[in-house]
Amino acid sequence: MSFGREHDLHKRRKGRNLGLGLVLIGFVGIMFGLTVVKVTEGQFAEALAGVSRSE
């Protein structure tokens, strides 16, 4: 069973879907980064190293 050639409409949709996927991945990355900074109160390196802050 052989498949026919891909229609031009499918090629355009594939390009749009890829672009939208990259935009969504970027958005998720920004939201994750902002969440990490907010939770660690800007002390990301210390939180990553396991240093606790004494207040």
PDB file of N, CA and C in Angstrom:
ATOM      1  N   MET A   1       0.853  -1.168   0.000  1.00  0.00           N
ATOM      2  CA  MET A   1       0.000   0.000   0.000  1.00  0.00           C
ATOM      3  C   MET A   1       0.897   1.228   0.000  1.00  0.00           C
ATOM      4  N   SER A   2       0.727   2.074  -0.987  1.00  0.00           N
ATOM      5  CA  SER A   2       1.542   3.289  -1.045  1.00  0.00           C
ATOM      6  C   SER A   2       0.648   4.495  -0.812  1.00  0.00           C
ATOM      7  N   PHE A   3       1.220   5.468  -0.167  1.00  0.00           N
ATOM      8  CA  PHE A   3       0.491   6.697   0.092  1.00  0.00           C
ATOM      9  C   PHE A   3       0.776   7.684  -1.027  1.00  0.00           C
ATOM     10  N   GLY A   4      -0.195   8.510  -1.332  1.00  0.00           N
ATOM     11  CA  GLY A   4      -0.012   9.510  -2.377  1.00  0.00           C
ATOM     12  C   GLY A   4       0.844  10.670  -1.902  1.00  0.00           C
ATOM     13  N   ARG A   5       1.112  11.577  -2.799  1.00  0.00           N
ATOM     14  CA  ARG A   5       1.900  12.744  -2.443  1.00  0.00           C
ATOM     15  C   ARG A   5       1.157  13.589  -1.411  1.00  0.00           C
ATOM     16  N   GLU A   6       1.934  14.271  -0.588  1.00  0.00           N
ATOM     17  CA  GLU A   6       1.342  15.139   0.428  1.00  0.00           C
ATOM     18  C   GLU A   6       0.803  16.403  -0.251  1.00  0.00           C
ATOM     19  N   HIS A   7      -0.412  16.765   0.087  1.00  0.00           N
ATOM     20  CA  HIS A   7      -1.037  17.934  -0.502  1.00  0.00           C
ATOM     21  C   HIS A   7      -0.402  19.203   0.061  1.00  0.00           C
ATOM     22  N   ASP A   8      -0.439  20.274  -0.714  1.00  0.00           N
ATOM     23  CA  ASP A   8       0.164  21.543  -0.302  1.00  0.00           C
ATOM     24  C   ASP A   8      -0.454  22.070   0.996  1.00  0.00           C
ATOM     25  N   LEU A   9      -1.736  21.828   1.184  1.00  0.00           N
ATOM     26  CA  LEU A   9      -2.411  22.275   2.402  1.00  0.00           C
ATOM     27  C   LEU A   9      -1.789  21.628   3.631  1.00  0.00           C
ATOM     28  N   HIS A  10      -1.442  20.351   3.536  1.00  0.00           N
ATOM     29  CA  HIS A  10      -0.835  19.652   4.668  1.00  0.00           C
ATOM     30  C   HIS A  10       0.558  20.200   4.965  1.00  0.00           C
ATOM     31  N   LYS A  11       1.293  20.563   3.937  1.00  0.00           N
ATOM     32  CA  LYS A  11       2.629  21.134   4.137  1.00  0.00           C
ATOM     33  C   LYS A  11       2.527  22.463   4.883  1.00  0.00           C
ATOM     34  N   ARG A  12       1.570  23.296   4.489  1.00  0.00           N
ATOM     35  CA  ARG A  12       1.398  24.588   5.172  1.00  0.00           C
ATOM     36  C   ARG A  12       0.952  24.393   6.617  1.00  0.00           C
ATOM     37  N   ARG A  13       0.044  23.460   6.834  1.00  0.00           N
ATOM     38  CA  ARG A  13      -0.417  23.203   8.205  1.00  0.00           C
ATOM     39  C   ARG A  13       0.720  22.692   9.077  1.00  0.00           C
ATOM     40  N   LYS A  14       1.574  21.835   8.520  1.00  0.00           N
ATOM     41  CA  LYS A  14       2.701  21.297   9.271  1.00  0.00           C
ATOM     42  C   LYS A  14       3.632  22.434   9.699  1.00  0.00           C
ATOM     43  N   GLY A  15       3.869  23.388   8.811  1.00  0.00           N
ATOM     44  CA  GLY A  15       4.706  24.533   9.144  1.00  0.00           C
ATOM     45  C   GLY A  15       4.088  25.398  10.234  1.00  0.00           C
ATOM     46  N   ARG A  16       2.798  25.628  10.130  1.00  0.00           N
ATOM     47  CA  ARG A  16       2.105  26.426  11.151  1.00  0.00           C
ATOM     48  C   ARG A  16       2.089  25.708  12.492  1.00  0.00           C
ATOM     49  N   ASN A  17       1.847  24.399  12.449  1.00  0.00           N
ATOM     50  CA  ASN A  17       1.820  23.629  13.695  1.00  0.00           C
ATOM     51  C   ASN A  17       3.183  23.635  14.365  1.00  0.00           C
ATOM     52  N   LEU A  18       4.231  23.519  13.581  1.00  0.00           N
ATOM     53  CA  LEU A  18       5.580  23.557  14.130  1.00  0.00           C
ATOM     54  C   LEU A  18       5.855  24.919  14.767  1.00  0.00           C
ATOM     55  N   GLY A  19       5.482  25.980  14.088  1.00  0.00           N
ATOM     56  CA  GLY A  19       5.668  27.328  14.635  1.00  0.00           C
ATOM     57  C   GLY A  19       4.888  27.520  15.920  1.00  0.00           C
ATOM     58  N   LEU A  20       3.646  27.097  15.929  1.00  0.00           N
ATOM     59  CA  LEU A  20       2.819  27.238  17.122  1.00  0.00           C
ATOM     60  C   LEU A  20       3.368  26.398  18.265  1.00  0.00           C
ATOM     61  N   GLY A  21       3.857  25.214  17.956  1.00  0.00           N
ATOM     62  CA  GLY A  21       4.456  24.367  18.983  1.00  0.00           C
ATOM     63  C   GLY A  21       5.674  25.031  19.617  1.00  0.00           C
ATOM     64  N   LEU A  22       6.512  25.651  18.790  1.00  0.00           N
ATOM     65  CA  LEU A  22       7.688  26.348  19.320  1.00  0.00           C
ATOM     66  C   LEU A  22       7.291  27.534  20.195  1.00  0.00           C
ATOM     67  N   VAL A  23       6.262  28.263  19.778  1.00  0.00           N
ATOM     68  CA  VAL A  23       5.781  29.391  20.585  1.00  0.00           C
ATOM     69  C   VAL A  23       5.255  28.893  21.926  1.00  0.00           C
ATOM     70  N   LEU A  24       4.494  27.806  21.927  1.00  0.00           N
ATOM     71  CA  LEU A  24       3.954  27.263  23.173  1.00  0.00           C
ATOM     72  C   LEU A  24       5.059  26.758  24.094  1.00  0.00           C
ATOM     73  N   ILE A  25       6.073  26.105  23.522  1.00  0.00           N
ATOM     74  CA  ILE A  25       7.199  25.639  24.332  1.00  0.00           C
ATOM     75  C   ILE A  25       7.931  26.826  24.952  1.00  0.00           C
ATOM     76  N   GLY A  26       8.096  27.893  24.176  1.00  0.00           N
ATOM     77  CA  GLY A  26       8.727  29.098  24.706  1.00  0.00           C
ATOM     78  C   GLY A  26       7.917  29.710  25.832  1.00  0.00           C
ATOM     79  N   PHE A  27       6.596  29.755  25.672  1.00  0.00           N
ATOM     80  CA  PHE A  27       5.721  30.311  26.703  1.00  0.00           C
ATOM     81  C   PHE A  27       5.801  29.489  27.987  1.00  0.00           C
ATOM     82  N   VAL A  28       5.771  28.175  27.846  1.00  0.00           N
ATOM     83  CA  VAL A  28       5.875  27.305  29.017  1.00  0.00           C
ATOM     84  C   VAL A  28       7.224  27.508  29.699  1.00  0.00           C
ATOM     85  N   GLY A  29       8.278  27.658  28.920  1.00  0.00           N
ATOM     86  CA  GLY A  29       9.602  27.900  29.482  1.00  0.00           C
ATOM     87  C   GLY A  29       9.668  29.202  30.266  1.00  0.00           C
ATOM     88  N   ILE A  30       9.061  30.242  29.736  1.00  0.00           N
ATOM     89  CA  ILE A  30       9.036  31.532  30.442  1.00  0.00           C
ATOM     90  C   ILE A  30       8.246  31.412  31.738  1.00  0.00           C
ATOM     91  N   MET A  31       7.087  30.762  31.695  1.00  0.00           N
ATOM     92  CA  MET A  31       6.273  30.606  32.899  1.00  0.00           C
ATOM     93  C   MET A  31       7.015  29.776  33.951  1.00  0.00           C
ATOM     94  N   PHE A  32       7.709  28.722  33.527  1.00  0.00           N
ATOM     95  CA  PHE A  32       8.472  27.897  34.461  1.00  0.00           C
ATOM     96  C   PHE A  32       9.591  28.719  35.091  1.00  0.00           C
ATOM     97  N   GLY A  33      10.298  29.482  34.267  1.00  0.00           N
ATOM     98  CA  GLY A  33      11.381  30.318  34.784  1.00  0.00           C
ATOM     99  C   GLY A  33      10.886  31.342  35.788  1.00  0.00           C
ATOM    100  N   LEU A  34       9.788  32.002  35.474  1.00  0.00           N
ATOM    101  CA  LEU A  34       9.229  32.985  36.402  1.00  0.00           C
ATOM    102  C   LEU A  34       8.793  32.320  37.713  1.00  0.00           C
ATOM    103  N   THR A  35       8.220  31.130  37.619  1.00  0.00           N
ATOM    104  CA  THR A  35       7.794  30.412  38.817  1.00  0.00           C
ATOM    105  C   THR A  35       8.990  30.045  39.684  1.00  0.00           C
ATOM    106  N   VAL A  36      10.049  29.563  39.070  1.00  0.00           N
ATOM    107  CA  VAL A  36      11.249  29.195  39.830  1.00  0.00           C
ATOM    108  C   VAL A  36      11.827  30.417  40.527  1.00  0.00           C
ATOM    109  N   VAL A  37      11.908  31.532  39.834  1.00  0.00           N
ATOM    110  CA  VAL A  37      12.455  32.753  40.433  1.00  0.00           C
ATOM    111  C   VAL A  37      11.573  33.226  41.582  1.00  0.00           C
ATOM    112  N   LYS A  38      10.248  33.156  41.396  1.00  0.00           N
ATOM    113  CA  LYS A  38       9.355  33.610  42.458  1.00  0.00           C
ATOM    114  C   LYS A  38       9.441  32.702  43.687  1.00  0.00           C
ATOM    115  N   VAL A  39       9.491  31.402  43.489  1.00  0.00           N
ATOM    116  CA  VAL A  39       9.546  30.468  44.611  1.00  0.00           C
ATOM    117  C   VAL A  39      10.867  30.591  45.357  1.00  0.00           C
ATOM    118  N   THR A  40      11.959  30.763  44.631  1.00  0.00           N
ATOM    119  CA  THR A  40      13.269  30.855  45.277  1.00  0.00           C
ATOM    120  C   THR A  40      13.604  32.283  45.687  1.00  0.00           C
ATOM    121  N   GLU A  41      12.698  33.201  45.468  1.00  0.00           N
ATOM    122  CA  GLU A  41      12.869  34.619  45.825  1.00  0.00           C
ATOM    123  C   GLU A  41      14.135  35.203  45.214  1.00  0.00           C
ATOM    124  N   GLY A  42      14.441  34.814  43.990  1.00  0.00           N
ATOM    125  CA  GLY A  42      15.579  35.361  43.279  1.00  0.00           C
ATOM    126  C   GLY A  42      16.904  34.742  43.661  1.00  0.00           C
ATOM    127  N   GLN A  43      16.928  33.798  44.581  1.00  0.00           N
ATOM    128  CA  GLN A  43      18.159  33.154  45.036  1.00  0.00           C
ATOM    129  C   GLN A  43      18.270  31.765  44.407  1.00  0.00           C
ATOM    130  N   PHE A  44      18.188  31.711  43.089  1.00  0.00           N
ATOM    131  CA  PHE A  44      18.148  30.441  42.384  1.00  0.00           C
ATOM    132  C   PHE A  44      19.421  29.635  42.586  1.00  0.00           C
ATOM    133  N   ALA A  45      20.579  30.286  42.532  1.00  0.00           N
ATOM    134  CA  ALA A  45      21.847  29.557  42.676  1.00  0.00           C
ATOM    135  C   ALA A  45      21.959  28.936  44.067  1.00  0.00           C
ATOM    136  N   GLU A  46      21.543  29.669  45.080  1.00  0.00           N
ATOM    137  CA  GLU A  46      21.593  29.139  46.444  1.00  0.00           C
ATOM    138  C   GLU A  46      20.614  27.985  46.612  1.00  0.00           C
ATOM    139  N   ALA A  47      19.424  28.107  46.038  1.00  0.00           N
ATOM    140  CA  ALA A  47      18.432  27.053  46.136  1.00  0.00           C
ATOM    141  C   ALA A  47      18.915  25.808  45.408  1.00  0.00           C
ATOM    142  N   LEU A  48      19.589  25.997  44.290  1.00  0.00           N
ATOM    143  CA  LEU A  48      20.111  24.873  43.523  1.00  0.00           C
ATOM    144  C   LEU A  48      21.223  24.177  44.298  1.00  0.00           C
ATOM    145  N   ALA A  49      22.018  24.934  45.029  1.00  0.00           N
ATOM    146  CA  ALA A  49      23.123  24.365  45.812  1.00  0.00           C
ATOM    147  C   ALA A  49      22.639  23.784  47.131  1.00  0.00           C
ATOM    148  N   GLY A  50      21.424  24.073  47.531  1.00  0.00           N
ATOM    149  CA  GLY A  50      20.876  23.547  48.766  1.00  0.00           C
ATOM    150  C   GLY A  50      21.211  24.377  49.982  1.00  0.00           C
ATOM    151  N   VAL A  51      21.634  25.613  49.778  1.00  0.00           N
ATOM    152  CA  VAL A  51      21.961  26.501  50.890  1.00  0.00           C
ATOM    153  C   VAL A  51      20.666  27.089  51.421  1.00  0.00           C
ATOM    154  N   SER A  52      20.449  26.967  52.729  1.00  0.00           N
ATOM    155  CA  SER A  52      19.228  27.525  53.299  1.00  0.00           C
ATOM    156  C   SER A  52      19.522  28.916  53.851  1.00  0.00           C
ATOM    157  N   ARG A  53      18.517  29.761  53.712  1.00  0.00           N
ATOM    158  CA  ARG A  53      18.644  31.139  54.222  1.00  0.00           C
ATOM    159  C   ARG A  53      18.140  31.195  55.652  1.00  0.00           C
ATOM    160  N   SER A  54      18.875  31.827  56.521  1.00  0.00           N
ATOM    161  CA  SER A  54      18.415  32.016  57.896  1.00  0.00           C
ATOM    162  C   SER A  54      17.988  33.468  58.048  1.00  0.00           C
ATOM    163  N   GLU A  55      16.740  33.639  58.466  1.00  0.00           N
ATOM    164  CA  GLU A  55      16.208  35.008  58.591  1.00  0.00           C
ATOM    165  C   GLU A  55      16.009  35.346  60.050  1.00  0.00           C
TER     166      GLU A  55
END
